[in-house]
């Protein structure tokens, strides 16, 4: 385990059991969420590549308009 994580766990161990459970649940939820995002992005890479190619072709063909950020 890295030193920073050891330090964080040492600090968390000073908290009440209820607070430790809240932090543990939050960490586990964050890790699960990160895995879901990783899976979603890995599965969408080809689709995003195709969409990017389509957008570049549309731009080359003059079918796009400049983005005017002041109008957003």
N, C-alpha and C. Protein backbone atom coordinates (compact mmCIF):
# COMPACT_ATOMS: atom_id res chain seq x y z
N UNK A 1 0.85 -1.18 0.00
CA UNK A 1 0.00 0.00 0.00
C UNK A 1 0.90 1.24 0.00
N UNK A 2 0.50 2.25 -0.74
CA UNK A 2 1.29 3.48 -0.82
C UNK A 2 1.15 4.28 0.47
N UNK A 3 2.14 5.10 0.73
CA UNK A 3 2.20 5.86 1.99
C UNK A 3 1.00 6.78 2.16
N UNK A 4 0.57 7.43 1.09
CA UNK A 4 -0.56 8.37 1.21
C UNK A 4 -1.84 7.64 1.62
N UNK A 5 -2.06 6.47 1.06
CA UNK A 5 -3.24 5.69 1.42
C UNK A 5 -3.14 5.19 2.86
N UNK A 6 -1.95 4.79 3.26
CA UNK A 6 -1.74 4.38 4.66
C UNK A 6 -2.07 5.54 5.60
N UNK A 7 -1.62 6.75 5.25
CA UNK A 7 -1.89 7.93 6.08
C UNK A 7 -3.39 8.19 6.15
N UNK A 8 -4.08 8.09 5.00
CA UNK A 8 -5.52 8.32 4.97
C UNK A 8 -6.24 7.30 5.85
N UNK A 9 -5.86 6.04 5.73
CA UNK A 9 -6.51 5.01 6.54
C UNK A 9 -6.20 5.20 8.03
N UNK A 10 -5.01 5.66 8.34
CA UNK A 10 -4.67 5.93 9.74
C UNK A 10 -5.58 7.02 10.31
N UNK A 11 -5.83 8.05 9.52
CA UNK A 11 -6.71 9.13 9.96
C UNK A 11 -8.15 8.64 10.09
N UNK A 12 -8.59 7.86 9.12
CA UNK A 12 -9.97 7.34 9.15
C UNK A 12 -10.16 6.42 10.35
N UNK A 13 -9.12 5.68 10.72
CA UNK A 13 -9.25 4.75 11.85
C UNK A 13 -9.51 5.47 13.17
N UNK A 14 -9.26 6.78 13.22
CA UNK A 14 -9.51 7.58 14.42
C UNK A 14 -10.99 7.98 14.54
N UNK A 15 -11.74 7.79 13.47
CA UNK A 15 -13.15 8.18 13.46
C UNK A 15 -14.02 7.11 14.10
N UNK A 16 -15.26 7.47 14.34
CA UNK A 16 -16.20 6.50 14.91
C UNK A 16 -16.48 5.40 13.88
N UNK A 17 -17.04 4.30 14.36
CA UNK A 17 -17.36 3.19 13.46
C UNK A 17 -18.34 3.62 12.38
N UNK A 18 -19.32 4.43 12.76
CA UNK A 18 -20.32 4.90 11.79
C UNK A 18 -19.66 5.75 10.70
N UNK A 19 -18.76 6.65 11.11
CA UNK A 19 -18.07 7.50 10.14
C UNK A 19 -17.15 6.66 9.24
N UNK A 20 -16.50 5.67 9.82
CA UNK A 20 -15.64 4.79 9.03
C UNK A 20 -16.47 4.04 7.98
N UNK A 21 -17.65 3.58 8.38
CA UNK A 21 -18.53 2.88 7.45
C UNK A 21 -18.97 3.79 6.30
N UNK A 22 -19.26 5.04 6.60
CA UNK A 22 -19.65 5.99 5.57
C UNK A 22 -18.51 6.19 4.58
N UNK A 23 -17.31 6.38 5.08
CA UNK A 23 -16.15 6.59 4.20
C UNK A 23 -15.85 5.33 3.39
N UNK A 24 -15.93 4.18 4.02
CA UNK A 24 -15.69 2.92 3.31
C UNK A 24 -16.71 2.72 2.19
N UNK A 25 -17.97 2.99 2.47
CA UNK A 25 -19.02 2.86 1.45
C UNK A 25 -18.78 3.83 0.31
N UNK A 26 -18.37 5.05 0.64
CA UNK A 26 -18.08 6.06 -0.39
C UNK A 26 -16.93 5.60 -1.29
N UNK A 27 -15.85 5.09 -0.69
CA UNK A 27 -14.71 4.62 -1.47
C UNK A 27 -15.12 3.47 -2.38
N UNK A 28 -15.86 2.51 -1.85
CA UNK A 28 -16.30 1.37 -2.66
C UNK A 28 -17.22 1.82 -3.80
N UNK A 29 -18.10 2.76 -3.52
CA UNK A 29 -18.98 3.29 -4.56
C UNK A 29 -18.18 4.00 -5.65
N UNK A 30 -17.18 4.78 -5.25
CA UNK A 30 -16.35 5.48 -6.22
C UNK A 30 -15.57 4.50 -7.10
N UNK A 31 -15.04 3.46 -6.50
CA UNK A 31 -14.31 2.46 -7.28
C UNK A 31 -15.23 1.74 -8.27
N UNK A 32 -16.44 1.41 -7.82
CA UNK A 32 -17.40 0.75 -8.71
C UNK A 32 -17.80 1.69 -9.85
N UNK A 33 -18.00 2.95 -9.53
CA UNK A 33 -18.36 3.94 -10.54
C UNK A 33 -17.24 4.08 -11.57
N UNK A 34 -16.02 4.12 -11.11
CA UNK A 34 -14.86 4.24 -12.00
C UNK A 34 -14.79 3.04 -12.95
N UNK A 35 -15.05 1.85 -12.42
CA UNK A 35 -15.05 0.65 -13.27
C UNK A 35 -16.15 0.72 -14.33
N UNK A 36 -17.33 1.23 -13.93
CA UNK A 36 -18.42 1.36 -14.90
C UNK A 36 -18.06 2.35 -16.00
N UNK A 37 -17.45 3.50 -15.63
CA UNK A 37 -17.04 4.48 -16.64
C UNK A 37 -15.98 3.89 -17.56
N UNK A 38 -15.02 3.19 -16.99
CA UNK A 38 -13.97 2.57 -17.82
C UNK A 38 -14.58 1.60 -18.83
N UNK A 39 -15.53 0.80 -18.37
CA UNK A 39 -16.18 -0.16 -19.26
C UNK A 39 -16.97 0.56 -20.34
N UNK A 40 -17.71 1.60 -19.95
CA UNK A 40 -18.52 2.34 -20.92
C UNK A 40 -17.64 2.99 -21.99
N UNK A 41 -16.54 3.61 -21.57
CA UNK A 41 -15.66 4.27 -22.53
C UNK A 41 -14.95 3.26 -23.42
N UNK A 42 -14.55 2.14 -22.87
CA UNK A 42 -13.85 1.15 -23.69
C UNK A 42 -14.78 0.57 -24.75
N UNK A 43 -16.06 0.47 -24.44
CA UNK A 43 -17.02 -0.06 -25.39
C UNK A 43 -17.46 0.99 -26.41
N UNK A 44 -17.27 2.25 -26.11
CA UNK A 44 -17.74 3.31 -27.00
C UNK A 44 -16.63 3.87 -27.89
N UNK A 45 -15.41 3.39 -27.72
CA UNK A 45 -14.29 3.96 -28.46
C UNK A 45 -14.50 3.89 -29.97
N UNK A 46 -14.94 2.77 -30.48
CA UNK A 46 -15.14 2.62 -31.93
C UNK A 46 -16.26 3.54 -32.41
N UNK A 47 -17.34 3.62 -31.64
CA UNK A 47 -18.45 4.49 -32.01
C UNK A 47 -18.00 5.95 -32.05
N UNK A 48 -17.23 6.37 -31.04
CA UNK A 48 -16.74 7.75 -31.01
C UNK A 48 -15.81 8.02 -32.18
N UNK A 49 -15.00 7.05 -32.55
CA UNK A 49 -14.10 7.21 -33.69
C UNK A 49 -14.91 7.40 -34.98
N UNK A 50 -15.96 6.61 -35.15
CA UNK A 50 -16.81 6.75 -36.34
C UNK A 50 -17.51 8.10 -36.37
N UNK A 51 -18.00 8.57 -35.22
CA UNK A 51 -18.65 9.87 -35.16
C UNK A 51 -17.66 11.00 -35.46
N UNK A 52 -16.45 10.87 -34.97
CA UNK A 52 -15.43 11.88 -35.25
C UNK A 52 -15.11 11.92 -36.73
N UNK A 53 -14.96 10.75 -37.35
CA UNK A 53 -14.70 10.70 -38.80
C UNK A 53 -15.84 11.35 -39.57
N UNK A 54 -17.07 11.07 -39.16
CA UNK A 54 -18.24 11.65 -39.82
C UNK A 54 -18.24 13.17 -39.69
N UNK A 55 -17.90 13.66 -38.52
CA UNK A 55 -17.85 15.11 -38.30
C UNK A 55 -16.76 15.76 -39.14
N UNK A 56 -15.61 15.12 -39.23
CA UNK A 56 -14.53 15.66 -40.05
C UNK A 56 -14.93 15.70 -41.53
N UNK A 57 -15.59 14.67 -41.99
CA UNK A 57 -16.06 14.64 -43.38
C UNK A 57 -17.08 15.74 -43.64
N UNK A 58 -18.00 15.94 -42.70
CA UNK A 58 -19.00 16.99 -42.84
C UNK A 58 -18.33 18.35 -42.89
N UNK A 59 -17.32 18.54 -42.08
CA UNK A 59 -16.60 19.82 -42.07
C UNK A 59 -15.89 20.04 -43.40
N UNK A 60 -15.21 19.03 -43.91
CA UNK A 60 -14.52 19.15 -45.20
C UNK A 60 -15.49 19.44 -46.33
N UNK A 61 -16.71 18.91 -46.23
CA UNK A 61 -17.71 19.10 -47.27
C UNK A 61 -18.45 20.43 -47.11
N UNK A 62 -18.10 21.21 -46.08
CA UNK A 62 -18.72 22.51 -45.87
C UNK A 62 -20.11 22.44 -45.27
N UNK A 63 -20.43 21.36 -44.60
CA UNK A 63 -21.77 21.21 -44.01
C UNK A 63 -21.79 21.57 -42.52
N UNK A 64 -20.79 22.29 -42.06
CA UNK A 64 -20.74 22.69 -40.65
C UNK A 64 -20.68 24.20 -40.54
N UNK A 65 -20.97 24.70 -39.36
CA UNK A 65 -20.90 26.14 -39.09
C UNK A 65 -19.91 26.36 -37.96
N UNK A 66 -19.24 27.49 -37.94
CA UNK A 66 -18.32 27.80 -36.84
C UNK A 66 -19.09 27.92 -35.52
N UNK A 67 -18.45 27.49 -34.45
CA UNK A 67 -19.04 27.61 -33.13
C UNK A 67 -18.76 29.00 -32.59
N UNK A 68 -19.80 29.74 -32.30
CA UNK A 68 -19.67 31.09 -31.74
C UNK A 68 -20.02 30.99 -30.27
N UNK A 69 -19.00 30.93 -29.44
CA UNK A 69 -19.21 30.69 -28.02
C UNK A 69 -19.99 31.81 -27.33
N UNK A 70 -19.92 33.02 -27.86
CA UNK A 70 -20.66 34.13 -27.24
C UNK A 70 -22.17 33.93 -27.34
N UNK A 71 -22.62 33.11 -28.28
CA UNK A 71 -24.04 32.87 -28.45
C UNK A 71 -24.55 31.66 -27.66
N UNK A 72 -23.67 31.03 -26.91
CA UNK A 72 -24.09 29.87 -26.12
C UNK A 72 -24.76 30.30 -24.84
